[in-house]
Protein backbone atom coordinates (compact mmCIF):
# COMPACT_ATOMS: atom_id res chain seq x y z
CA MET A 1 -124.13 182.26 32.01
CA GLU A 2 -125.54 182.13 35.46
CA TRP A 3 -123.86 183.74 38.44
CA GLY A 4 -123.04 180.48 40.21
CA LEU A 5 -121.00 179.26 37.28
CA LEU A 6 -119.20 182.59 36.97
CA ALA A 7 -118.42 182.55 40.69
CA GLU A 8 -117.03 179.01 40.41
CA TYR A 9 -114.82 179.89 37.44
CA GLY A 10 -113.75 183.09 39.18
CA TRP A 11 -112.68 181.12 42.25
CA VAL A 12 -110.67 178.69 40.10
CA LEU A 13 -109.04 181.62 38.31
CA LEU A 14 -108.04 183.22 41.62
CA VAL A 15 -106.54 179.94 42.85
CA LEU A 16 -104.57 179.53 39.62
CA ILE A 17 -103.28 183.10 39.84
CA GLY A 18 -102.19 182.46 43.43
CA LEU A 19 -100.43 179.22 42.51
CA GLU A 20 -98.64 180.89 39.59
CA GLY A 21 -97.51 183.66 41.94
CA ILE A 22 -96.12 181.13 44.41
CA LEU A 23 -94.30 179.30 41.61
CA ALA A 24 -92.86 182.56 40.29
CA ALA A 25 -91.60 183.50 43.77
CA ASP A 26 -90.07 180.04 44.17
CA ASN A 27 -88.33 180.35 40.79
CA ALA A 28 -86.98 183.78 41.70
CA LEU A 29 -85.64 182.51 45.03
CA VAL A 30 -83.90 179.51 43.49
CA LEU A 31 -82.40 181.61 40.71
CA ALA A 32 -81.18 184.21 43.21
CA ILE A 33 -79.43 181.49 45.21
CA MET A 34 -77.89 180.01 42.05
CA VAL A 35 -76.42 183.31 40.80
CA LYS A 36 -75.29 184.89 44.06
CA HIS A 37 -71.64 183.98 43.37
CA LEU A 38 -71.57 185.84 40.02
CA PRO A 39 -70.39 189.43 39.54
CA GLU A 40 -73.17 192.06 39.62
CA GLU A 41 -73.55 192.55 35.83
CA GLU A 42 -73.61 188.81 35.08
CA ARG A 43 -75.99 188.25 38.00
CA LYS A 44 -78.52 190.68 36.49
CA LYS A 45 -78.27 188.99 33.09
CA ALA A 46 -78.60 185.51 34.59
CA LEU A 47 -81.66 186.53 36.65
CA PHE A 48 -83.31 188.16 33.64
CA TYR A 49 -82.73 185.20 31.33
CA GLY A 50 -83.68 182.70 34.01
CA LEU A 51 -86.95 184.40 34.92
CA PHE A 52 -87.79 185.04 31.26
CA GLY A 53 -87.07 181.39 30.42
CA ALA A 54 -89.22 180.16 33.30
CA PHE A 55 -92.07 182.42 32.14
CA VAL A 56 -91.83 181.22 28.52
CA LEU A 57 -91.62 177.57 29.54
CA ARG A 58 -94.63 177.92 31.85
CA LEU A 59 -96.70 179.55 29.10
CA GLY A 60 -95.61 176.88 26.63
CA SER A 61 -96.51 174.13 29.08
CA LEU A 62 -99.98 175.60 29.62
CA PHE A 63 -100.46 175.85 25.86
CA ILE A 64 -99.45 172.22 25.29
CA ILE A 65 -101.57 171.00 28.22
CA SER A 66 -104.63 172.77 26.82
CA PHE A 67 -104.32 170.56 23.71
CA LEU A 68 -103.34 167.34 25.47
CA VAL A 69 -106.25 167.46 27.91
CA ASP A 70 -108.63 166.61 25.03
CA VAL A 71 -106.68 163.50 24.00
CA TRP A 72 -108.23 160.50 25.74
CA GLN A 73 -104.98 158.51 25.55
CA MET A 74 -103.24 161.16 27.64
CA GLN A 75 -106.08 161.03 30.16
CA ALA A 76 -105.69 157.25 30.34
CA ILE A 77 -101.92 157.52 30.84
CA GLY A 78 -102.45 160.12 33.57
CA ALA A 79 -105.04 157.95 35.30
CA ALA A 80 -102.75 154.91 35.14
CA TYR A 81 -99.89 156.96 36.58
CA LEU A 82 -102.03 158.21 39.46
CA LEU A 83 -103.17 154.64 40.20
CA PHE A 84 -99.55 153.48 40.16
CA ILE A 85 -98.52 156.21 42.60
CA SER A 86 -101.35 155.43 45.02
CA LEU A 87 -100.89 151.65 44.89
CA ASN A 88 -97.12 152.01 45.28
CA HIS A 89 -97.63 154.20 48.35
CA LEU A 90 -100.08 151.74 49.90
CA PHE A 91 -97.78 148.80 49.15
CA ARG A 92 -94.81 150.51 50.77
CA LYS A 93 -96.79 151.66 53.77
CA PHE A 94 -98.60 148.44 54.63
CA ILE A 95 -96.65 145.52 53.10
CA LEU A 96 -93.03 146.66 53.44
CA HIS A 97 -93.61 148.41 56.77
CA ARG A 98 -95.17 145.23 58.22
CA ASN A 99 -92.21 143.14 57.04
CA GLU A 100 -89.76 145.62 58.60
CA ASP A 101 -91.64 145.51 61.91
CA GLU A 102 -91.63 141.69 61.92
CA SER A 103 -87.91 141.50 61.15
CA ALA A 104 -87.17 144.07 63.87
CA GLU A 105 -89.17 142.01 66.38
CA ASP A 106 -87.37 138.81 65.32
CA ALA A 107 -84.00 140.51 65.71
CA ALA A 108 -84.94 141.79 69.18
CA ILE A 109 -86.06 138.32 70.29
CA SER A 110 -83.02 136.49 68.90
CA LYS A 111 -80.43 138.81 70.47
CA PRO A 112 -79.68 137.98 74.07
CA LYS A 113 -79.64 140.97 76.35
CA LYS A 114 -76.35 141.83 77.96
CA VAL A 115 -76.39 141.68 81.73
CA GLN A 116 -73.80 143.58 83.68
CA VAL A 117 -72.49 141.87 86.78
CA PHE A 118 -70.81 143.98 89.38
CA GLY A 119 -68.53 142.13 91.59
């Protein structure tokens, strides 16, 4: 292998390690908040089982994804889902937002302004 390819894979590996570390810290924080009301002994058990379960599920997910990434039907479903998300976002931002602005302008025009008369 040439050095450029190794450097690229090394960079991706470092990013993945960093992301996994952030996810692990997030899991630990959420679990700590969830078990803070338990007695000390049960809290330790709950944290251990929760962190162990998160680790096993993450490894299992990576294992399953490594097989599913080669199935073209899964790639097509993922692409369709990403297209749906982007088109839905654009529709909500431009179509629905424009309709809300027009209805707000119509409501402002149709309501007469109250005038206070001092006398």
